[in-house]
Amino acid sequence: MAKSNTAEELKDALDKEKQYIEDRYTQVLDTLEYERDRIQNELRREFRTARRYVRANPEIGVGAAFASGILVGVLLSVMYKK
């Protein structure tokens, strides 16, 4: 009788833990989906803002691209010299 009672208690405890883990897993998935959507929307807004700025100020965009290219070139040449 004692074994049966202990086995039932163990089974109940395991079922509760399984349910808790499933609930937490669902909560984590929901949170991750929410954060993914929030970040995607934020990136879209920032991209649109940057695109409007570059269209309004093309000379600054070209200058920034040129300066970035020079910087990357210098960094690569320093890396390959070592």
PDB file of N, CA and C in Angstrom:
ATOM      1  N   MET A   1       0.805  -1.190   0.000  1.00  0.00           N
ATOM      2  CA  MET A   1       0.000   0.000   0.000  1.00  0.00           C
ATOM      3  C   MET A   1       0.854   1.261   0.000  1.00  0.00           C
ATOM      4  N   ALA A   2       1.932   1.243   0.757  1.00  0.00           N
ATOM      5  CA  ALA A   2       2.789   2.413   0.859  1.00  0.00           C
ATOM      6  C   ALA A   2       3.456   2.723  -0.476  1.00  0.00           C
ATOM      7  N   LYS A   3       3.844   1.668  -1.194  1.00  0.00           N
ATOM      8  CA  LYS A   3       4.480   1.884  -2.489  1.00  0.00           C
ATOM      9  C   LYS A   3       3.506   2.525  -3.469  1.00  0.00           C
ATOM     10  N   SER A   4       2.290   2.062  -3.478  1.00  0.00           N
ATOM     11  CA  SER A   4       1.279   2.586  -4.389  1.00  0.00           C
ATOM     12  C   SER A   4       1.006   4.061  -4.098  1.00  0.00           C
ATOM     13  N   ASN A   5       0.891   4.408  -2.823  1.00  0.00           N
ATOM     14  CA  ASN A   5       0.633   5.782  -2.418  1.00  0.00           C
ATOM     15  C   ASN A   5       1.812   6.675  -2.819  1.00  0.00           C
ATOM     16  N   THR A   6       3.031   6.199  -2.580  1.00  0.00           N
ATOM     17  CA  THR A   6       4.222   6.969  -2.923  1.00  0.00           C
ATOM     18  C   THR A   6       4.333   7.128  -4.435  1.00  0.00           C
ATOM     19  N   ALA A   7       4.018   6.080  -5.166  1.00  0.00           N
ATOM     20  CA  ALA A   7       4.062   6.148  -6.624  1.00  0.00           C
ATOM     21  C   ALA A   7       3.049   7.161  -7.148  1.00  0.00           C
ATOM     22  N   GLU A   8       1.862   7.176  -6.568  1.00  0.00           N
ATOM     23  CA  GLU A   8       0.832   8.142  -6.973  1.00  0.00           C
ATOM     24  C   GLU A   8       1.277   9.567  -6.662  1.00  0.00           C
ATOM     25  N   GLU A   9       1.857   9.776  -5.477  1.00  0.00           N
ATOM     26  CA  GLU A   9       2.343  11.106  -5.107  1.00  0.00           C
ATOM     27  C   GLU A   9       3.445  11.559  -6.050  1.00  0.00           C
ATOM     28  N   LEU A  10       4.332  10.639  -6.391  1.00  0.00           N
ATOM     29  CA  LEU A  10       5.416  10.961  -7.309  1.00  0.00           C
ATOM     30  C   LEU A  10       4.860  11.297  -8.694  1.00  0.00           C
ATOM     31  N   LYS A  11       3.902  10.515  -9.144  1.00  0.00           N
ATOM     32  CA  LYS A  11       3.283  10.777 -10.444  1.00  0.00           C
ATOM     33  C   LYS A  11       2.586  12.133 -10.440  1.00  0.00           C
ATOM     34  N   ASP A  12       1.871  12.443  -9.373  1.00  0.00           N
ATOM     35  CA  ASP A  12       1.203  13.747  -9.272  1.00  0.00           C
ATOM     36  C   ASP A  12       2.218  14.891  -9.283  1.00  0.00           C
ATOM     37  N   ALA A  13       3.302  14.709  -8.534  1.00  0.00           N
ATOM     38  CA  ALA A  13       4.335  15.749  -8.485  1.00  0.00           C
ATOM     39  C   ALA A  13       4.965  15.943  -9.859  1.00  0.00           C
ATOM     40  N   LEU A  14       5.236  14.848 -10.547  1.00  0.00           N
ATOM     41  CA  LEU A  14       5.814  14.946 -11.887  1.00  0.00           C
ATOM     42  C   LEU A  14       4.847  15.599 -12.868  1.00  0.00           C
ATOM     43  N   ASP A  15       3.566  15.271 -12.759  1.00  0.00           N
ATOM     44  CA  ASP A  15       2.569  15.898 -13.626  1.00  0.00           C
ATOM     45  C   ASP A  15       2.494  17.405 -13.380  1.00  0.00           C
ATOM     46  N   LYS A  16       2.555  17.800 -12.120  1.00  0.00           N
ATOM     47  CA  LYS A  16       2.528  19.229 -11.785  1.00  0.00           C
ATOM     48  C   LYS A  16       3.755  19.933 -12.347  1.00  0.00           C
ATOM     49  N   GLU A  17       4.917  19.312 -12.203  1.00  0.00           N
ATOM     50  CA  GLU A  17       6.151  19.908 -12.721  1.00  0.00           C
ATOM     51  C   GLU A  17       6.115  19.993 -14.245  1.00  0.00           C
ATOM     52  N   LYS A  18       5.596  18.951 -14.881  1.00  0.00           N
ATOM     53  CA  LYS A  18       5.488  18.965 -16.335  1.00  0.00           C
ATOM     54  C   LYS A  18       4.581  20.101 -16.789  1.00  0.00           C
ATOM     55  N   GLN A  19       3.458  20.265 -16.116  1.00  0.00           N
ATOM     56  CA  GLN A  19       2.528  21.339 -16.458  1.00  0.00           C
ATOM     57  C   GLN A  19       3.173  22.710 -16.240  1.00  0.00           C
ATOM     58  N   TYR A  20       3.909  22.848 -15.128  1.00  0.00           N
ATOM     59  CA  TYR A  20       4.584  24.115 -14.840  1.00  0.00           C
ATOM     60  C   TYR A  20       5.605  24.427 -15.943  1.00  0.00           C
ATOM     61  N   ILE A  21       6.369  23.432 -16.344  1.00  0.00           N
ATOM     62  CA  ILE A  21       7.375  23.642 -17.383  1.00  0.00           C
ATOM     63  C   ILE A  21       6.715  24.010 -18.712  1.00  0.00           C
ATOM     64  N   GLU A  22       5.628  23.333 -19.046  1.00  0.00           N
ATOM     65  CA  GLU A  22       4.912  23.660 -20.279  1.00  0.00           C
ATOM     66  C   GLU A  22       4.363  25.081 -20.237  1.00  0.00           C
ATOM     67  N   ASP A  23       3.819  25.488 -19.090  1.00  0.00           N
ATOM     68  CA  ASP A  23       3.295  26.848 -18.947  1.00  0.00           C
ATOM     69  C   ASP A  23       4.409  27.883 -19.089  1.00  0.00           C
ATOM     70  N   ARG A  24       5.532  27.629 -18.433  1.00  0.00           N
ATOM     71  CA  ARG A  24       6.657  28.562 -18.524  1.00  0.00           C
ATOM     72  C   ARG A  24       7.200  28.628 -19.943  1.00  0.00           C
ATOM     73  N   TYR A  25       7.263  27.495 -20.623  1.00  0.00           N
ATOM     74  CA  TYR A  25       7.732  27.443 -22.003  1.00  0.00           C
ATOM     75  C   TYR A  25       6.831  28.294 -22.890  1.00  0.00           C
ATOM     76  N   THR A  26       5.526  28.159 -22.692  1.00  0.00           N
ATOM     77  CA  THR A  26       4.577  28.961 -23.468  1.00  0.00           C
ATOM     78  C   THR A  26       4.753  30.449 -23.169  1.00  0.00           C
ATOM     79  N   GLN A  27       4.956  30.788 -21.906  1.00  0.00           N
ATOM     80  CA  GLN A  27       5.169  32.193 -21.538  1.00  0.00           C
ATOM     81  C   GLN A  27       6.433  32.739 -22.188  1.00  0.00           C
ATOM     82  N   VAL A  28       7.492  31.963 -22.168  1.00  0.00           N
ATOM     83  CA  VAL A  28       8.751  32.403 -22.775  1.00  0.00           C
ATOM     84  C   VAL A  28       8.574  32.594 -24.278  1.00  0.00           C
ATOM     85  N   LEU A  29       7.897  31.660 -24.944  1.00  0.00           N
ATOM     86  CA  LEU A  29       7.648  31.799 -26.378  1.00  0.00           C
ATOM     87  C   LEU A  29       6.828  33.053 -26.678  1.00  0.00           C
ATOM     88  N   ASP A  30       5.800  33.297 -25.878  1.00  0.00           N
ATOM     89  CA  ASP A  30       4.985  34.492 -26.076  1.00  0.00           C
ATOM     90  C   ASP A  30       5.806  35.760 -25.897  1.00  0.00           C
ATOM     91  N   THR A  31       6.655  35.770 -24.878  1.00  0.00           N
ATOM     92  CA  THR A  31       7.511  36.938 -24.633  1.00  0.00           C
ATOM     93  C   THR A  31       8.480  37.147 -25.781  1.00  0.00           C
ATOM     94  N   LEU A  32       9.083  36.065 -26.257  1.00  0.00           N
ATOM     95  CA  LEU A  32      10.023  36.179 -27.372  1.00  0.00           C
ATOM     96  C   LEU A  32       9.327  36.665 -28.645  1.00  0.00           C
ATOM     97  N   GLU A  33       8.139  36.176 -28.911  1.00  0.00           N
ATOM     98  CA  GLU A  33       7.394  36.633 -30.084  1.00  0.00           C
ATOM     99  C   GLU A  33       7.051  38.115 -29.967  1.00  0.00           C
ATOM    100  N   TYR A  34       6.632  38.539 -28.781  1.00  0.00           N
ATOM    101  CA  TYR A  34       6.314  39.943 -28.561  1.00  0.00           C
ATOM    102  C   TYR A  34       7.547  40.816 -28.788  1.00  0.00           C
ATOM    103  N   GLU A  35       8.669  40.410 -28.212  1.00  0.00           N
ATOM    104  CA  GLU A  35       9.909  41.180 -28.357  1.00  0.00           C
ATOM    105  C   GLU A  35      10.381  41.195 -29.806  1.00  0.00           C
ATOM    106  N   ARG A  36      10.260  40.067 -30.500  1.00  0.00           N
ATOM    107  CA  ARG A  36      10.634  40.012 -31.916  1.00  0.00           C
ATOM    108  C   ARG A  36       9.817  41.022 -32.718  1.00  0.00           C
ATOM    109  N   ASP A  37       8.509  41.018 -32.502  1.00  0.00           N
ATOM    110  CA  ASP A  37       7.636  41.943 -33.222  1.00  0.00           C
ATOM    111  C   ASP A  37       7.961  43.392 -32.879  1.00  0.00           C
ATOM    112  N   ARG A  38       8.228  43.654 -31.615  1.00  0.00           N
ATOM    113  CA  ARG A  38       8.548  45.025 -31.191  1.00  0.00           C
ATOM    114  C   ARG A  38       9.851  45.488 -31.843  1.00  0.00           C
ATOM    115  N   ILE A  39      10.856  44.643 -31.851  1.00  0.00           N
ATOM    116  CA  ILE A  39      12.148  45.016 -32.430  1.00  0.00           C
ATOM    117  C   ILE A  39      12.032  45.178 -33.943  1.00  0.00           C
ATOM    118  N   GLN A  40      11.270  44.289 -34.596  1.00  0.00           N
ATOM    119  CA  GLN A  40      11.078  44.421 -36.037  1.00  0.00           C
ATOM    120  C   GLN A  40      10.409  45.752 -36.376  1.00  0.00           C
ATOM    121  N   ASN A  41       9.385  46.107 -35.624  1.00  0.00           N
ATOM    122  CA  ASN A  41       8.700  47.382 -35.874  1.00  0.00           C
ATOM    123  C   ASN A  41       9.626  48.563 -35.635  1.00  0.00           C
ATOM    124  N   GLU A  42      10.413  48.487 -34.574  1.00  0.00           N
ATOM    125  CA  GLU A  42      11.351  49.568 -34.278  1.00  0.00           C
ATOM    126  C   GLU A  42      12.403  49.700 -35.377  1.00  0.00           C
ATOM    127  N   LEU A  43      12.919  48.576 -35.858  1.00  0.00           N
ATOM    128  CA  LEU A  43      13.913  48.614 -36.933  1.00  0.00           C
ATOM    129  C   LEU A  43      13.310  49.157 -38.225  1.00  0.00           C
ATOM    130  N   ARG A  44      12.076  48.795 -38.511  1.00  0.00           N
ATOM    131  CA  ARG A  44      11.419  49.337 -39.709  1.00  0.00           C
ATOM    132  C   ARG A  44      11.290  50.853 -39.625  1.00  0.00           C
ATOM    133  N   ARG A  45      10.881  51.339 -38.443  1.00  0.00           N
ATOM    134  CA  ARG A  45      10.755  52.793 -38.266  1.00  0.00           C
ATOM    135  C   ARG A  45      12.110  53.486 -38.424  1.00  0.00           C
ATOM    136  N   GLU A  46      13.138  52.912 -37.805  1.00  0.00           N
ATOM    137  CA  GLU A  46      14.476  53.511 -37.903  1.00  0.00           C
ATOM    138  C   GLU A  46      14.988  53.477 -39.337  1.00  0.00           C
ATOM    139  N   PHE A  47      14.731  52.388 -40.051  1.00  0.00           N
ATOM    140  CA  PHE A  47      15.161  52.282 -41.441  1.00  0.00           C
ATOM    141  C   PHE A  47      14.472  53.335 -42.295  1.00  0.00           C
ATOM    142  N   ARG A  48      13.149  53.504 -42.086  1.00  0.00           N
ATOM    143  CA  ARG A  48      12.420  54.530 -42.846  1.00  0.00           C
ATOM    144  C   ARG A  48      12.960  55.923 -42.539  1.00  0.00           C
ATOM    145  N   THR A  49      13.242  56.182 -41.278  1.00  0.00           N
ATOM    146  CA  THR A  49      13.784  57.480 -40.888  1.00  0.00           C
ATOM    147  C   THR A  49      15.144  57.716 -41.538  1.00  0.00           C
ATOM    148  N   ALA A  50      16.003  56.711 -41.504  1.00  0.00           N
ATOM    149  CA  ALA A  50      17.332  56.843 -42.109  1.00  0.00           C
ATOM    150  C   ALA A  50      17.224  57.028 -43.620  1.00  0.00           C
ATOM    151  N   ARG A  51      16.321  56.286 -44.250  1.00  0.00           N
ATOM    152  CA  ARG A  51      16.149  56.402 -45.699  1.00  0.00           C
ATOM    153  C   ARG A  51      15.657  57.801 -46.074  1.00  0.00           C
ATOM    154  N   ARG A  52      14.711  58.335 -45.306  1.00  0.00           N
ATOM    155  CA  ARG A  52      14.229  59.705 -45.575  1.00  0.00           C
ATOM    156  C   ARG A  52      15.356  60.719 -45.410  1.00  0.00           C
ATOM    157  N   TYR A  53      16.167  60.529 -44.374  1.00  0.00           N
ATOM    158  CA  TYR A  53      17.265  61.459 -44.131  1.00  0.00           C
ATOM    159  C   TYR A  53      18.273  61.429 -45.278  1.00  0.00           C
ATOM    160  N   VAL A  54      18.618  60.224 -45.736  1.00  0.00           N
ATOM    161  CA  VAL A  54      19.591  60.117 -46.830  1.00  0.00           C
ATOM    162  C   VAL A  54      19.011  60.687 -48.108  1.00  0.00           C
ATOM    163  N   ARG A  55      17.740  60.481 -48.348  1.00  0.00           N
ATOM    164  CA  ARG A  55      17.124  61.071 -49.547  1.00  0.00           C
ATOM    165  C   ARG A  55      17.106  62.593 -49.472  1.00  0.00           C
ATOM    166  N   ALA A  56      16.894  63.126 -48.294  1.00  0.00           N
ATOM    167  CA  ALA A  56      16.873  64.582 -48.127  1.00  0.00           C
ATOM    168  C   ALA A  56      18.279  65.165 -48.145  1.00  0.00           C
ATOM    169  N   ASN A  57      19.281  64.391 -47.747  1.00  0.00           N
ATOM    170  CA  ASN A  57      20.662  64.875 -47.669  1.00  0.00           C
ATOM    171  C   ASN A  57      21.609  63.870 -48.342  1.00  0.00           C
ATOM    172  N   PRO A  58      21.535  63.738 -49.655  1.00  0.00           N
ATOM    173  CA  PRO A  58      22.342  62.703 -50.312  1.00  0.00           C
ATOM    174  C   PRO A  58      23.849  62.926 -50.182  1.00  0.00           C
ATOM    175  N   GLU A  59      24.285  64.173 -50.143  1.00  0.00           N
ATOM    176  CA  GLU A  59      25.727  64.432 -50.048  1.00  0.00           C
ATOM    177  C   GLU A  59      26.307  63.926 -48.728  1.00  0.00           C
ATOM    178  N   ILE A  60      25.536  64.017 -47.663  1.00  0.00           N
ATOM    179  CA  ILE A  60      25.997  63.502 -46.363  1.00  0.00           C
ATOM    180  C   ILE A  60      26.055  61.976 -46.393  1.00  0.00           C
ATOM    181  N   GLY A  61      25.078  61.358 -47.035  1.00  0.00           N
ATOM    182  CA  GLY A  61      25.072  59.903 -47.161  1.00  0.00           C
ATOM    183  C   GLY A  61      26.262  59.404 -47.964  1.00  0.00           C
ATOM    184  N   VAL A  62      26.569  60.082 -49.057  1.00  0.00           N
ATOM    185  CA  VAL A  62      27.721  59.691 -49.876  1.00  0.00           C
ATOM    186  C   VAL A  62      29.015  59.917 -49.093  1.00  0.00           C
ATOM    187  N   GLY A  63      29.088  61.012 -48.380  1.00  0.00           N
ATOM    188  CA  GLY A  63      30.282  61.288 -47.567  1.00  0.00           C
ATOM    189  C   GLY A  63      30.466  60.258 -46.462  1.00  0.00           C
ATOM    190  N   ALA A  64      29.388  59.872 -45.822  1.00  0.00           N
ATOM    191  CA  ALA A  64      29.478  58.867 -44.765  1.00  0.00           C
ATOM    192  C   ALA A  64      29.893  57.518 -45.331  1.00  0.00           C
ATOM    193  N   ALA A  65      29.353  57.156 -46.494  1.00  0.00           N
ATOM    194  CA  ALA A  65      29.739  55.896 -47.131  1.00  0.00           C
ATOM    195  C   ALA A  65      31.211  55.932 -47.526  1.00  0.00           C
ATOM    196  N   PHE A  66      31.660  57.051 -48.054  1.00  0.00           N
ATOM    197  CA  PHE A  66      33.066  57.194 -48.435  1.00  0.00           C
ATOM    198  C   PHE A  66      33.975  57.078 -47.209  1.00  0.00           C
ATOM    199  N   ALA A  67      33.632  57.791 -46.141  1.00  0.00           N
ATOM    200  CA  ALA A  67      34.441  57.740 -44.921  1.00  0.00           C
ATOM    201  C   ALA A  67      34.441  56.333 -44.324  1.00  0.00           C
ATOM    202  N   SER A  68      33.306  55.663 -44.355  1.00  0.00           N
ATOM    203  CA  SER A  68      33.244  54.290 -43.847  1.00  0.00           C
ATOM    204  C   SER A  68      34.122  53.365 -44.673  1.00  0.00           C
ATOM    205  N   GLY A  69      34.111  53.549 -45.980  1.00  0.00           N
ATOM    206  CA  GLY A  69      34.950  52.733 -46.864  1.00  0.00           C
ATOM    207  C   GLY A  69      36.423  52.937 -46.584  1.00  0.00           C
ATOM    208  N   ILE A  70      36.816  54.190 -46.376  1.00  0.00           N
ATOM    209  CA  ILE A  70      38.219  54.487 -46.044  1.00  0.00           C
ATOM    210  C   ILE A  70      38.586  53.818 -44.718  1.00  0.00           C
ATOM    211  N   LEU A  71      37.723  53.950 -43.728  1.00  0.00           N
ATOM    212  CA  LEU A  71      37.981  53.361 -42.413  1.00  0.00           C
ATOM    213  C   LEU A  71      38.108  51.839 -42.496  1.00  0.00           C
ATOM    214  N   VAL A  72      37.213  51.204 -43.210  1.00  0.00           N
ATOM    215  CA  VAL A  72      37.280  49.746 -43.361  1.00  0.00           C
ATOM    216  C   VAL A  72      38.553  49.354 -44.099  1.00  0.00           C
ATOM    217  N   GLY A  73      38.919  50.106 -45.120  1.00  0.00           N
ATOM    218  CA  GLY A  73      40.149  49.824 -45.865  1.00  0.00           C
ATOM    219  C   GLY A  73      41.384  49.930 -44.988  1.00  0.00           C
ATOM    220  N   VAL A  74      41.435  50.965 -44.161  1.00  0.00           N
ATOM    221  CA  VAL A  74      42.575  51.134 -43.254  1.00  0.00           C
ATOM    222  C   VAL A  74      42.624  49.989 -42.246  1.00  0.00           C
ATOM    223  N   LEU A  75      41.495  49.653 -41.674  1.00  0.00           N
ATOM    224  CA  LEU A  75      41.453  48.557 -40.699  1.00  0.00           C
ATOM    225  C   LEU A  75      41.878  47.233 -41.321  1.00  0.00           C
ATOM    226  N   LEU A  76      41.414  46.952 -42.537  1.00  0.00           N
ATOM    227  CA  LEU A  76      41.804  45.707 -43.198  1.00  0.00           C
ATOM    228  C   LEU A  76      43.290  45.691 -43.519  1.00  0.00           C
ATOM    229  N   SER A  77      43.825  46.815 -43.956  1.00  0.00           N
ATOM    230  CA  SER A  77      45.253  46.841 -44.290  1.00  0.00           C
ATOM    231  C   SER A  77      46.099  46.652 -43.026  1.00  0.00           C
ATOM    232  N   VAL A  78      45.663  47.213 -41.910  1.00  0.00           N
ATOM    233  CA  VAL A  78      46.395  47.034 -40.644  1.00  0.00           C
ATOM    234  C   VAL A  78      46.304  45.580 -40.200  1.00  0.00           C
ATOM    235  N   MET A  79      45.152  44.964 -40.367  1.00  0.00           N
ATOM    236  CA  MET A  79      44.998  43.558 -39.971  1.00  0.00           C
ATOM    237  C   MET A  79      45.870  42.635 -40.806  1.00  0.00           C
ATOM    238  N   TYR A  80      45.969  42.882 -42.110  1.00  0.00           N
ATOM    239  CA  TYR A  80      46.716  41.988 -42.974  1.00  0.00           C
ATOM    240  C   TYR A  80      48.213  42.224 -42.903  1.00  0.00           C
ATOM    241  N   LYS A  81      48.659  43.361 -42.392  1.00  0.00           N
ATOM    242  CA  LYS A  81      50.078  43.620 -42.230  1.00  0.00           C
ATOM    243  C   LYS A  81      50.671  42.827 -41.075  1.00  0.00           C
ATOM    244  N   LYS A  82      49.834  42.466 -40.124  1.00  0.00           N
ATOM    245  CA  LYS A  82      50.337  41.749 -38.936  1.00  0.00           C
ATOM    246  C   LYS A  82      50.583  40.334 -39.211  1.00  0.00           C
TER     247      LYS A  82
END
